[in-house]
Amino acid sequence: MSSLVFDCDGVLADTERDGHRVAFNQMFAEFGLPAFWSEEEYKERLQIAGGKERLATLFTPEFADCIGFRGDARQKADMIARWHARKTQIYLELVEAGQVPTRPGIRRIISEALAAGWRLAVASTSSEPAVRAVLAQAAGDDAKRFDLVLAGDVVLRKKPAPDIYTLALQRLGVPGETVLVVEDSRNGLISAVQAGLRCVVTVSAYTVDETFDGAALIVSSLGDPGSEATRVHANRSCGVLGEYVTLDDLARCLRPACQLPRPSLVALAAAVADQHRLERRGP
């Protein structure tokens, strides 16, 4: 039996630019914080996995002085948690209002995979309420048939560390060679590859220029018949794609005959170093 594990943001739906970014900025305004993330700045912030981790990068000495913060690390963590809770509430309102569109092909592939007996899961570092709200919008009633939803702070290390996908494997209780991950970012791809999993990348507007060495398939989206056609950026699978990605196309990405190049150790180390550098960086 095969398994399909989806990231959430940028994979199930176009959540980042018109969802999370908007929610962060509205929260900044409500709390009177001296911050605003433009589309370009938010693109860079996305190199840091996790909303709380992104908020932590605001805390330069200048920012702390501006908001009159004189507390310790625990108080800073509590403050970030309050900000993040409000941001999540705003984001959920946007999702429920239909402001966060599902990506092409997602509902179709979910339905086909369930009909074919595949196991389905979501593995994301976004907050669990946000992930479940997006999944409900993207999958409809089929969301209840997912075997596993991992989200939020279920692992200490966020992507590009492999922890979230290693945990997914453990919870699903299946061999890694039967699992295919769908991601949209380089950090997500590296996380999946380090966990020993095959990965398909559906690039988003924020990640289209990233490097995806090691992915079995890199496409603009899964596409849908009679609607948006799939643009193929790279195909290292064992088949030829048509106008949209089918479940058979995804199954071919798992075949042992498909020998995929792995990101080099240098590339993996660079990705982790970039993550740490960005987490230490101020606004």
C-alpha atoms as a PDB file:
ATOM      1  CA  MET A   1       0.000   0.000   0.000  1.00  0.00           C
ATOM      2  CA  SER A   2       1.332   3.444  -0.955  1.00  0.00           C
ATOM      3  CA  SER A   3       1.072   6.608   1.117  1.00  0.00           C
ATOM      4  CA  LEU A   4       0.866  10.249   0.091  1.00  0.00           C
ATOM      5  CA  VAL A   5       2.039  12.894   2.563  1.00  0.00           C
ATOM      6  CA  PHE A   6       1.227  16.532   1.840  1.00  0.00           C
ATOM      7  CA  ASP A   7       2.817  19.640   3.202  1.00  0.00           C
ATOM      8  CA  CYS A   8       0.117  22.253   3.836  1.00  0.00           C
ATOM      9  CA  ASP A   9       1.119  25.822   3.016  1.00  0.00           C
ATOM     10  CA  GLY A  10       1.759  26.275  -0.690  1.00  0.00           C
ATOM     11  CA  VAL A  11       0.785  22.647  -1.396  1.00  0.00           C
ATOM     12  CA  LEU A  12      -2.837  22.174  -0.360  1.00  0.00           C
ATOM     13  CA  ALA A  13      -3.600  25.842  -0.926  1.00  0.00           C
ATOM     14  CA  ASP A  14      -1.999  29.149  -1.890  1.00  0.00           C
ATOM     15  CA  THR A  15      -1.807  30.214   1.719  1.00  0.00           C
ATOM     16  CA  GLU A  16       1.306  32.321   2.051  1.00  0.00           C
ATOM     17  CA  ARG A  17       0.966  35.610   0.184  1.00  0.00           C
ATOM     18  CA  ASP A  18      -2.763  36.211   0.646  1.00  0.00           C
ATOM     19  CA  GLY A  19      -3.251  34.217   3.834  1.00  0.00           C
ATOM     20  CA  HIS A  20      -0.438  34.040   6.362  1.00  0.00           C
ATOM     21  CA  ARG A  21       1.249  37.283   5.252  1.00  0.00           C
ATOM     22  CA  VAL A  22      -2.022  39.218   5.445  1.00  0.00           C
ATOM     23  CA  ALA A  23      -2.763  37.738   8.872  1.00  0.00           C
ATOM     24  CA  PHE A  24       0.692  38.614  10.213  1.00  0.00           C
ATOM     25  CA  ASN A  25       0.361  42.216   9.040  1.00  0.00           C
ATOM     26  CA  GLN A  26      -3.130  42.622  10.478  1.00  0.00           C
ATOM     27  CA  MET A  27      -1.879  41.255  13.799  1.00  0.00           C
ATOM     28  CA  PHE A  28       1.084  43.670  13.749  1.00  0.00           C
ATOM     29  CA  ALA A  29      -1.337  46.566  13.292  1.00  0.00           C
ATOM     30  CA  GLU A  30      -3.682  45.391  16.053  1.00  0.00           C
ATOM     31  CA  PHE A  31      -0.837  45.092  18.557  1.00  0.00           C
ATOM     32  CA  GLY A  32       0.761  48.347  17.424  1.00  0.00           C
ATOM     33  CA  LEU A  33       3.990  46.608  16.439  1.00  0.00           C
ATOM     34  CA  PRO A  34       6.497  48.444  14.214  1.00  0.00           C
ATOM     35  CA  ALA A  35       6.488  45.751  11.539  1.00  0.00           C
ATOM     36  CA  PHE A  36       5.010  45.127   8.107  1.00  0.00           C
ATOM     37  CA  TRP A  37       6.022  42.279   5.801  1.00  0.00           C
ATOM     38  CA  SER A  38       5.900  43.144   2.106  1.00  0.00           C
ATOM     39  CA  GLU A  39       5.602  40.326  -0.435  1.00  0.00           C
ATOM     40  CA  GLU A  40       9.354  40.409  -1.055  1.00  0.00           C
ATOM     41  CA  GLU A  41      10.290  40.471   2.624  1.00  0.00           C
ATOM     42  CA  TYR A  42       7.847  37.702   3.444  1.00  0.00           C
ATOM     43  CA  LYS A  43       9.411  35.579   0.706  1.00  0.00           C
ATOM     44  CA  GLU A  44      12.671  35.724   2.646  1.00  0.00           C
ATOM     45  CA  ARG A  45      10.928  35.050   5.961  1.00  0.00           C
ATOM     46  CA  LEU A  46       9.541  31.853   4.444  1.00  0.00           C
ATOM     47  CA  GLN A  47      13.049  30.395   4.524  1.00  0.00           C
ATOM     48  CA  ILE A  48      12.362  30.045   8.264  1.00  0.00           C
ATOM     49  CA  ALA A  49       9.950  27.220   9.036  1.00  0.00           C
ATOM     50  CA  GLY A  50       7.284  28.023  11.622  1.00  0.00           C
ATOM     51  CA  GLY A  51       5.328  31.189  12.364  1.00  0.00           C
ATOM     52  CA  LYS A  52       6.620  31.604  15.907  1.00  0.00           C
ATOM     53  CA  GLU A  53      10.157  31.238  14.626  1.00  0.00           C
ATOM     54  CA  ARG A  54       9.517  33.976  12.045  1.00  0.00           C
ATOM     55  CA  LEU A  55       8.116  36.260  14.732  1.00  0.00           C
ATOM     56  CA  ALA A  56      11.191  35.669  16.891  1.00  0.00           C
ATOM     57  CA  THR A  57      13.354  37.288  14.208  1.00  0.00           C
ATOM     58  CA  LEU A  58      11.650  40.622  14.930  1.00  0.00           C
ATOM     59  CA  PHE A  59      13.441  40.917  18.248  1.00  0.00           C
ATOM     60  CA  THR A  60      16.415  43.104  17.446  1.00  0.00           C
ATOM     61  CA  PRO A  61      17.538  45.500  20.216  1.00  0.00           C
ATOM     62  CA  GLU A  62      15.912  48.326  18.242  1.00  0.00           C
ATOM     63  CA  PHE A  63      12.596  46.476  18.041  1.00  0.00           C
ATOM     64  CA  ALA A  64      12.675  45.656  21.769  1.00  0.00           C
ATOM     65  CA  ASP A  65      13.345  49.316  22.590  1.00  0.00           C
ATOM     66  CA  CYS A  66      10.547  50.484  20.300  1.00  0.00           C
ATOM     67  CA  ILE A  67       7.928  48.310  22.021  1.00  0.00           C
ATOM     68  CA  GLY A  68       9.428  48.901  25.472  1.00  0.00           C
ATOM     69  CA  PHE A  69      10.263  45.245  26.059  1.00  0.00           C
ATOM     70  CA  ARG A  70      12.559  44.602  29.023  1.00  0.00           C
ATOM     71  CA  GLY A  71      11.592  41.023  29.803  1.00  0.00           C
ATOM     72  CA  ASP A  72      13.469  37.733  29.774  1.00  0.00           C
ATOM     73  CA  ALA A  73      13.392  34.830  27.323  1.00  0.00           C
ATOM     74  CA  ARG A  74      10.312  33.309  28.927  1.00  0.00           C
ATOM     75  CA  GLN A  75       8.386  36.564  28.704  1.00  0.00           C
ATOM     76  CA  LYS A  76       9.449  36.983  25.085  1.00  0.00           C
ATOM     77  CA  ALA A  77       8.201  33.475  24.298  1.00  0.00           C
ATOM     78  CA  ASP A  78       4.875  34.248  25.998  1.00  0.00           C
ATOM     79  CA  MET A  79       4.528  37.466  24.000  1.00  0.00           C
ATOM     80  CA  ILE A  80       5.284  35.693  20.724  1.00  0.00           C
ATOM     81  CA  ALA A  81       2.739  33.001  21.624  1.00  0.00           C
ATOM     82  CA  ARG A  82       0.044  35.668  22.145  1.00  0.00           C
ATOM     83  CA  TRP A  83       0.882  37.335  18.842  1.00  0.00           C
ATOM     84  CA  HIS A  84       0.885  34.024  17.047  1.00  0.00           C
ATOM     85  CA  ALA A  85      -2.441  32.966  18.573  1.00  0.00           C
ATOM     86  CA  ARG A  86      -4.093  36.146  17.300  1.00  0.00           C
ATOM     87  CA  LYS A  87      -2.435  35.795  13.890  1.00  0.00           C
ATOM     88  CA  THR A  88      -3.775  32.232  13.671  1.00  0.00           C
ATOM     89  CA  GLN A  89      -7.290  33.428  14.516  1.00  0.00           C
ATOM     90  CA  ILE A  90      -7.135  36.042  11.752  1.00  0.00           C
ATOM     91  CA  TYR A  91      -5.793  33.450   9.321  1.00  0.00           C
ATOM     92  CA  LEU A  92      -8.588  31.005  10.123  1.00  0.00           C
ATOM     93  CA  GLU A  93     -11.123  33.730   9.405  1.00  0.00           C
ATOM     94  CA  LEU A  94      -9.514  34.283   5.999  1.00  0.00           C
ATOM     95  CA  VAL A  95      -9.625  30.539   5.232  1.00  0.00           C
ATOM     96  CA  GLU A  96     -13.252  30.208   6.309  1.00  0.00           C
ATOM     97  CA  ALA A  97     -14.154  33.244   4.176  1.00  0.00           C
ATOM     98  CA  GLY A  98     -12.739  31.489   1.113  1.00  0.00           C
ATOM     99  CA  GLN A  99      -9.823  33.907   0.730  1.00  0.00           C
ATOM    100  CA  VAL A 100      -7.220  31.113   0.498  1.00  0.00           C
ATOM    101  CA  PRO A 101      -7.672  29.164  -2.772  1.00  0.00           C
ATOM    102  CA  THR A 102      -7.025  25.427  -2.998  1.00  0.00           C
ATOM    103  CA  ARG A 103      -4.270  24.566  -5.468  1.00  0.00           C
ATOM    104  CA  PRO A 104      -5.210  22.879  -8.765  1.00  0.00           C
ATOM    105  CA  GLY A 105      -5.438  19.101  -8.702  1.00  0.00           C
ATOM    106  CA  ILE A 106      -5.357  18.679  -4.928  1.00  0.00           C
ATOM    107  CA  ARG A 107      -8.972  17.625  -4.387  1.00  0.00           C
ATOM    108  CA  ARG A 108      -8.855  15.367  -7.465  1.00  0.00           C
ATOM    109  CA  ILE A 109      -5.668  13.566  -6.371  1.00  0.00           C
ATOM    110  CA  ILE A 110      -6.946  13.143  -2.811  1.00  0.00           C
ATOM    111  CA  SER A 111     -10.166  11.573  -4.087  1.00  0.00           C
ATOM    112  CA  GLU A 112      -8.339   9.284  -6.536  1.00  0.00           C
ATOM    113  CA  ALA A 113      -5.774   8.215  -3.942  1.00  0.00           C
ATOM    114  CA  LEU A 114      -8.457   7.290  -1.410  1.00  0.00           C
ATOM    115  CA  ALA A 115     -10.363   5.336  -4.045  1.00  0.00           C
ATOM    116  CA  ALA A 116      -7.170   3.439  -4.886  1.00  0.00           C
ATOM    117  CA  GLY A 117      -6.490   2.564  -1.235  1.00  0.00           C
ATOM    118  CA  TRP A 118      -3.585   4.933  -0.624  1.00  0.00           C
ATOM    119  CA  ARG A 119      -2.997   6.187   2.891  1.00  0.00           C
ATOM    120  CA  LEU A 120      -3.029   9.978   3.241  1.00  0.00           C
ATOM    121  CA  ALA A 121      -1.347  12.334   5.688  1.00  0.00           C
ATOM    122  CA  VAL A 122      -0.373  15.962   6.204  1.00  0.00           C
ATOM    123  CA  ALA A 123       2.971  16.945   7.730  1.00  0.00           C
ATOM    124  CA  SER A 124       3.334  20.670   8.366  1.00  0.00           C
ATOM    125  CA  THR A 125       4.981  23.059  10.814  1.00  0.00           C
ATOM    126  CA  SER A 126       1.998  25.443  10.715  1.00  0.00           C
ATOM    127  CA  SER A 127      -0.370  25.499  13.688  1.00  0.00           C
ATOM    128  CA  GLU A 128      -2.773  22.568  13.872  1.00  0.00           C
ATOM    129  CA  PRO A 129      -6.009  24.636  13.716  1.00  0.00           C
ATOM    130  CA  ALA A 130      -4.720  26.387  10.580  1.00  0.00           C
ATOM    131  CA  VAL A 131      -3.692  23.119   8.919  1.00  0.00           C
ATOM    132  CA  ARG A 132      -7.009  21.418   9.682  1.00  0.00           C
ATOM    133  CA  ALA A 133      -8.942  24.424   8.370  1.00  0.00           C
ATOM    134  CA  VAL A 134      -7.005  24.403   5.081  1.00  0.00           C
ATOM    135  CA  LEU A 135      -7.358  20.628   4.774  1.00  0.00           C
ATOM    136  CA  ALA A 136     -11.132  20.879   5.292  1.00  0.00           C
ATOM    137  CA  GLN A 137     -11.351  23.503   2.545  1.00  0.00           C
ATOM    138  CA  ALA A 138      -9.081  21.579   0.178  1.00  0.00           C
ATOM    139  CA  ALA A 139     -10.425  18.054   0.674  1.00  0.00           C
ATOM    140  CA  GLY A 140     -14.020  18.567   1.779  1.00  0.00           C
ATOM    141  CA  ASP A 141     -15.498  15.477   3.429  1.00  0.00           C
ATOM    142  CA  ASP A 142     -12.413  13.483   2.401  1.00  0.00           C
ATOM    143  CA  ALA A 143     -10.440  15.373   5.065  1.00  0.00           C
ATOM    144  CA  LYS A 144     -11.980  13.013   7.646  1.00  0.00           C
ATOM    145  CA  ARG A 145     -10.407  10.051   5.863  1.00  0.00           C
ATOM    146  CA  PHE A 146      -6.801  11.162   6.325  1.00  0.00           C
ATOM    147  CA  ASP A 147      -4.817   8.728   8.438  1.00  0.00           C
ATOM    148  CA  LEU A 148      -2.624  11.374  10.024  1.00  0.00           C
ATOM    149  CA  VAL A 149      -2.331  15.135  10.456  1.00  0.00           C
ATOM    150  CA  LEU A 150       0.917  16.362  11.985  1.00  0.00           C
ATOM    151  CA  ALA A 151       1.154  20.091  12.621  1.00  0.00           C
ATOM    152  CA  GLY A 152       2.551  22.798  14.862  1.00  0.00           C
ATOM    153  CA  ASP A 153       5.149  22.048  17.493  1.00  0.00           C
ATOM    154  CA  VAL A 154       5.004  18.242  17.290  1.00  0.00           C
ATOM    155  CA  VAL A 155       8.741  18.242  16.557  1.00  0.00           C
ATOM    156  CA  LEU A 156      11.471  20.411  18.027  1.00  0.00           C
ATOM    157  CA  ARG A 157      13.411  20.967  14.805  1.00  0.00           C
ATOM    158  CA  LYS A 158      11.517  22.404  11.862  1.00  0.00           C
ATOM    159  CA  LYS A 159      12.251  21.890   8.164  1.00  0.00           C
ATOM    160  CA  PRO A 160      14.833  21.442   6.598  1.00  0.00           C
ATOM    161  CA  ALA A 161      15.472  19.011   9.475  1.00  0.00           C
ATOM    162  CA  PRO A 162      13.861  15.620   8.689  1.00  0.00           C
ATOM    163  CA  ASP A 163      12.022  15.334  12.022  1.00  0.00           C
ATOM    164  CA  ILE A 164       8.466  15.995  10.815  1.00  0.00           C
ATOM    165  CA  TYR A 165       8.713  13.342   8.093  1.00  0.00           C
ATOM    166  CA  THR A 166      10.540  10.885  10.329  1.00  0.00           C
ATOM    167  CA  LEU A 167       7.657  11.233  12.801  1.00  0.00           C
ATOM    168  CA  ALA A 168       5.119  10.782  10.001  1.00  0.00           C
ATOM    169  CA  LEU A 169       6.805   7.522   9.015  1.00  0.00           C
ATOM    170  CA  GLN A 170       6.738   6.309  12.602  1.00  0.00           C
ATOM    171  CA  ARG A 171       3.076   7.198  13.083  1.00  0.00           C
ATOM    172  CA  LEU A 172       1.990   5.711   9.756  1.00  0.00           C
ATOM    173  CA  GLY A 173       4.011   2.564  10.432  1.00  0.00           C
ATOM    174  CA  VAL A 174       4.889   2.035   6.768  1.00  0.00           C
ATOM    175  CA  PRO A 175       8.175   1.500   4.878  1.00  0.00           C
ATOM    176  CA  GLY A 176       9.750   4.669   3.535  1.00  0.00           C
ATOM    177  CA  GLU A 177       9.907   3.314  -0.009  1.00  0.00           C
ATOM    178  CA  THR A 178       6.074   3.324  -0.130  1.00  0.00           C
ATOM    179  CA  VAL A 179       5.724   7.002   0.827  1.00  0.00           C
ATOM    180  CA  LEU A 180       5.629   9.960  -1.540  1.00  0.00           C
ATOM    181  CA  VAL A 181       5.786  13.518  -0.212  1.00  0.00           C
ATOM    182  CA  VAL A 182       4.303  16.562  -1.955  1.00  0.00           C
ATOM    183  CA  GLU A 183       6.164  19.766  -1.112  1.00  0.00           C
ATOM    184  CA  ASP A 184       6.537  23.265  -2.522  1.00  0.00           C
ATOM    185  CA  SER A 185       9.817  24.519  -1.011  1.00  0.00           C
ATOM    186  CA  ARG A 186      13.481  23.590  -0.983  1.00  0.00           C
ATOM    187  CA  ASN A 187      13.442  23.297   2.801  1.00  0.00           C
ATOM    188  CA  GLY A 188      10.518  20.888   2.558  1.00  0.00           C
ATOM    189  CA  LEU A 189      12.236  18.823  -0.131  1.00  0.00           C
ATOM    190  CA  ILE A 190      15.429  18.565   1.906  1.00  0.00           C
ATOM    191  CA  SER A 191      13.416  17.558   4.971  1.00  0.00           C
ATOM    192  CA  ALA A 192      11.739  14.746   3.013  1.00  0.00           C
ATOM    193  CA  VAL A 193      14.953  13.561   1.333  1.00  0.00           C
ATOM    194  CA  GLN A 194      16.822  13.475   4.652  1.00  0.00           C
ATOM    195  CA  ALA A 195      14.019  11.281   6.008  1.00  0.00           C
ATOM    196  CA  GLY A 196      14.647   8.898   3.102  1.00  0.00           C
ATOM    197  CA  LEU A 197      11.458   9.754   1.194  1.00  0.00           C
ATOM    198  CA  ARG A 198      10.698  10.438  -2.453  1.00  0.00           C
ATOM    199  CA  CYS A 199       9.295  13.900  -3.145  1.00  0.00           C
ATOM    200  CA  VAL A 200       7.249  15.705  -5.781  1.00  0.00           C
ATOM    201  CA  VAL A 201       7.443  19.506  -5.796  1.00  0.00           C
ATOM    202  CA  THR A 202       4.566  21.773  -6.854  1.00  0.00           C
ATOM    203  CA  VAL A 203       6.263  25.160  -6.921  1.00  0.00           C
ATOM    204  CA  SER A 204       4.498  28.262  -5.647  1.00  0.00           C
ATOM    205  CA  ALA A 205       5.020  31.908  -6.545  1.00  0.00           C
ATOM    206  CA  TYR A 206       7.398  32.207  -3.600  1.00  0.00           C
ATOM    207  CA  THR A 207       9.464  29.108  -4.403  1.00  0.00           C
ATOM    208  CA  VAL A 208       9.590  28.946  -8.209  1.00  0.00           C
ATOM    209  CA  ASP A 209      13.214  30.151  -8.279  1.00  0.00           C
ATOM    210  CA  GLU A 210      14.500  27.689  -5.672  1.00  0.00           C
ATOM    211  CA  THR A 211      16.695  24.680  -6.478  1.00  0.00           C
ATOM    212  CA  PHE A 212      15.048  21.266  -6.191  1.00  0.00           C
ATOM    213  CA  ASP A 213      17.790  18.729  -6.816  1.00  0.00           C
ATOM    214  CA  GLY A 214      16.605  15.370  -5.549  1.00  0.00           C
ATOM    215  CA  ALA A 215      12.905  15.797  -6.425  1.00  0.00           C
ATOM    216  CA  ALA A 216      11.328  13.099  -8.580  1.00  0.00           C
ATOM    217  CA  LEU A 217       9.085  15.616 -10.283  1.00  0.00           C
ATOM    218  CA  ILE A 218       8.910  19.415 -10.290  1.00  0.00           C
ATOM    219  CA  VAL A 219       5.731  20.975 -11.687  1.00  0.00           C
ATOM    220  CA  SER A 220       3.802  24.236 -11.569  1.00  0.00           C
ATOM    221  CA  SER A 221       0.852  22.401 -10.006  1.00  0.00           C
ATOM    222  CA  LEU A 222      -0.875  19.039 -10.203  1.00  0.00           C
ATOM    223  CA  GLY A 223      -3.265  20.582 -12.716  1.00  0.00           C
ATOM    224  CA  ASP A 224      -6.824  19.587 -13.575  1.00  0.00           C
ATOM    225  CA  PRO A 225      -8.503  18.335 -16.755  1.00  0.00           C
ATOM    226  CA  GLY A 226     -10.247  21.116 -18.617  1.00  0.00           C
ATOM    227  CA  SER A 227      -8.682  23.701 -16.341  1.00  0.00           C
ATOM    228  CA  GLU A 228      -5.124  24.680 -15.431  1.00  0.00           C
ATOM    229  CA  ALA A 229      -2.551  22.577 -17.273  1.00  0.00           C
ATOM    230  CA  THR A 230       0.609  21.406 -15.551  1.00  0.00           C
ATOM    231  CA  ARG A 231       3.897  23.002 -16.562  1.00  0.00           C
ATOM    232  CA  VAL A 232       6.799  20.583 -16.066  1.00  0.00           C
ATOM    233  CA  HIS A 233       9.970  22.136 -14.655  1.00  0.00           C
ATOM    234  CA  ALA A 234      11.816  18.813 -14.333  1.00  0.00           C
ATOM    235  CA  ASN A 235      10.785  15.179 -14.666  1.00  0.00           C
ATOM    236  CA  ARG A 236      13.044  12.521 -13.144  1.00  0.00           C
ATOM    237  CA  SER A 237      10.268   9.956 -12.794  1.00  0.00           C
ATOM    238  CA  CYS A 238       9.777   6.879 -14.951  1.00  0.00           C
ATOM    239  CA  GLY A 239       7.040   8.271 -17.174  1.00  0.00           C
ATOM    240  CA  VAL A 240       5.886  11.053 -19.453  1.00  0.00           C
ATOM    241  CA  LEU A 241       3.343  13.515 -18.123  1.00  0.00           C
ATOM    242  CA  GLY A 242       0.230  14.675 -19.918  1.00  0.00           C
ATOM    243  CA  GLU A 243      -1.659  17.923 -19.349  1.00  0.00           C
ATOM    244  CA  TYR A 244      -2.043  17.218 -15.639  1.00  0.00           C
ATOM    245  CA  VAL A 245      -0.498  14.954 -13.006  1.00  0.00           C
ATOM    246  CA  THR A 246      -2.367  11.688 -12.457  1.00  0.00           C
ATOM    247  CA  LEU A 247      -2.216   9.235  -9.571  1.00  0.00           C
ATOM    248  CA  ASP A 248      -0.364   6.843 -11.902  1.00  0.00           C
ATOM    249  CA  ASP A 249       2.230   9.566 -12.470  1.00  0.00           C
ATOM    250  CA  LEU A 250       2.741   9.851  -8.712  1.00  0.00           C
ATOM    251  CA  ALA A 251       2.942   6.066  -8.348  1.00  0.00           C
ATOM    252  CA  ARG A 252       5.730   5.952 -10.953  1.00  0.00           C
ATOM    253  CA  CYS A 253       7.766   8.333  -8.789  1.00  0.00           C
ATOM    254  CA  LEU A 254       7.990   5.537  -6.211  1.00  0.00           C
ATOM    255  CA  ARG A 255       9.306   2.858  -8.557  1.00  0.00           C
ATOM    256  CA  PRO A 256      12.774   1.518  -7.640  1.00  0.00           C
ATOM    257  CA  ALA A 257      13.872   1.937 -11.264  1.00  0.00           C
ATOM    258  CA  CYS A 258      13.741   5.714 -10.800  1.00  0.00           C
ATOM    259  CA  GLN A 259      17.207   6.532  -9.525  1.00  0.00           C
ATOM    260  CA  LEU A 260      17.072  10.105  -8.265  1.00  0.00           C
ATOM    261  CA  PRO A 261      20.046  12.361  -7.590  1.00  0.00           C
ATOM    262  CA  ARG A 262      20.336  13.266  -3.915  1.00  0.00           C
ATOM    263  CA  PRO A 263      21.191  16.789  -2.767  1.00  0.00           C
ATOM    264  CA  SER A 264      24.878  16.848  -1.866  1.00  0.00           C
ATOM    265  CA  LEU A 265      26.006  16.990   1.740  1.00  0.00           C
ATOM    266  CA  VAL A 266      27.278  20.469   0.972  1.00  0.00           C
ATOM    267  CA  ALA A 267      23.797  21.525  -0.175  1.00  0.00           C
ATOM    268  CA  LEU A 268      22.183  20.007   2.918  1.00  0.00           C
ATOM    269  CA  ALA A 269      24.643  21.730   5.238  1.00  0.00           C
ATOM    270  CA  ALA A 270      24.105  25.033   3.417  1.00  0.00           C
ATOM    271  CA  ALA A 271      20.334  24.767   3.810  1.00  0.00           C
ATOM    272  CA  VAL A 272      20.616  24.180   7.555  1.00  0.00           C
ATOM    273  CA  ALA A 273      23.134  27.019   7.891  1.00  0.00           C
ATOM    274  CA  ASP A 274      20.820  29.348   5.976  1.00  0.00           C
ATOM    275  CA  GLN A 275      17.973  28.436   8.313  1.00  0.00           C
ATOM    276  CA  HIS A 276      20.059  29.240  11.385  1.00  0.00           C
ATOM    277  CA  ARG A 277      21.317  32.485   9.867  1.00  0.00           C
ATOM    278  CA  LEU A 278      17.817  33.665   9.058  1.00  0.00           C
ATOM    279  CA  GLU A 279      16.525  32.752  12.515  1.00  0.00           C
ATOM    280  CA  ARG A 280      19.220  34.947  14.067  1.00  0.00           C
ATOM    281  CA  ARG A 281      18.607  37.787  11.654  1.00  0.00           C
ATOM    282  CA  GLY A 282      16.515  40.800  12.575  1.00  0.00           C
ATOM    283  CA  PRO A 283      13.864  42.543  10.479  1.00  0.00           C
END
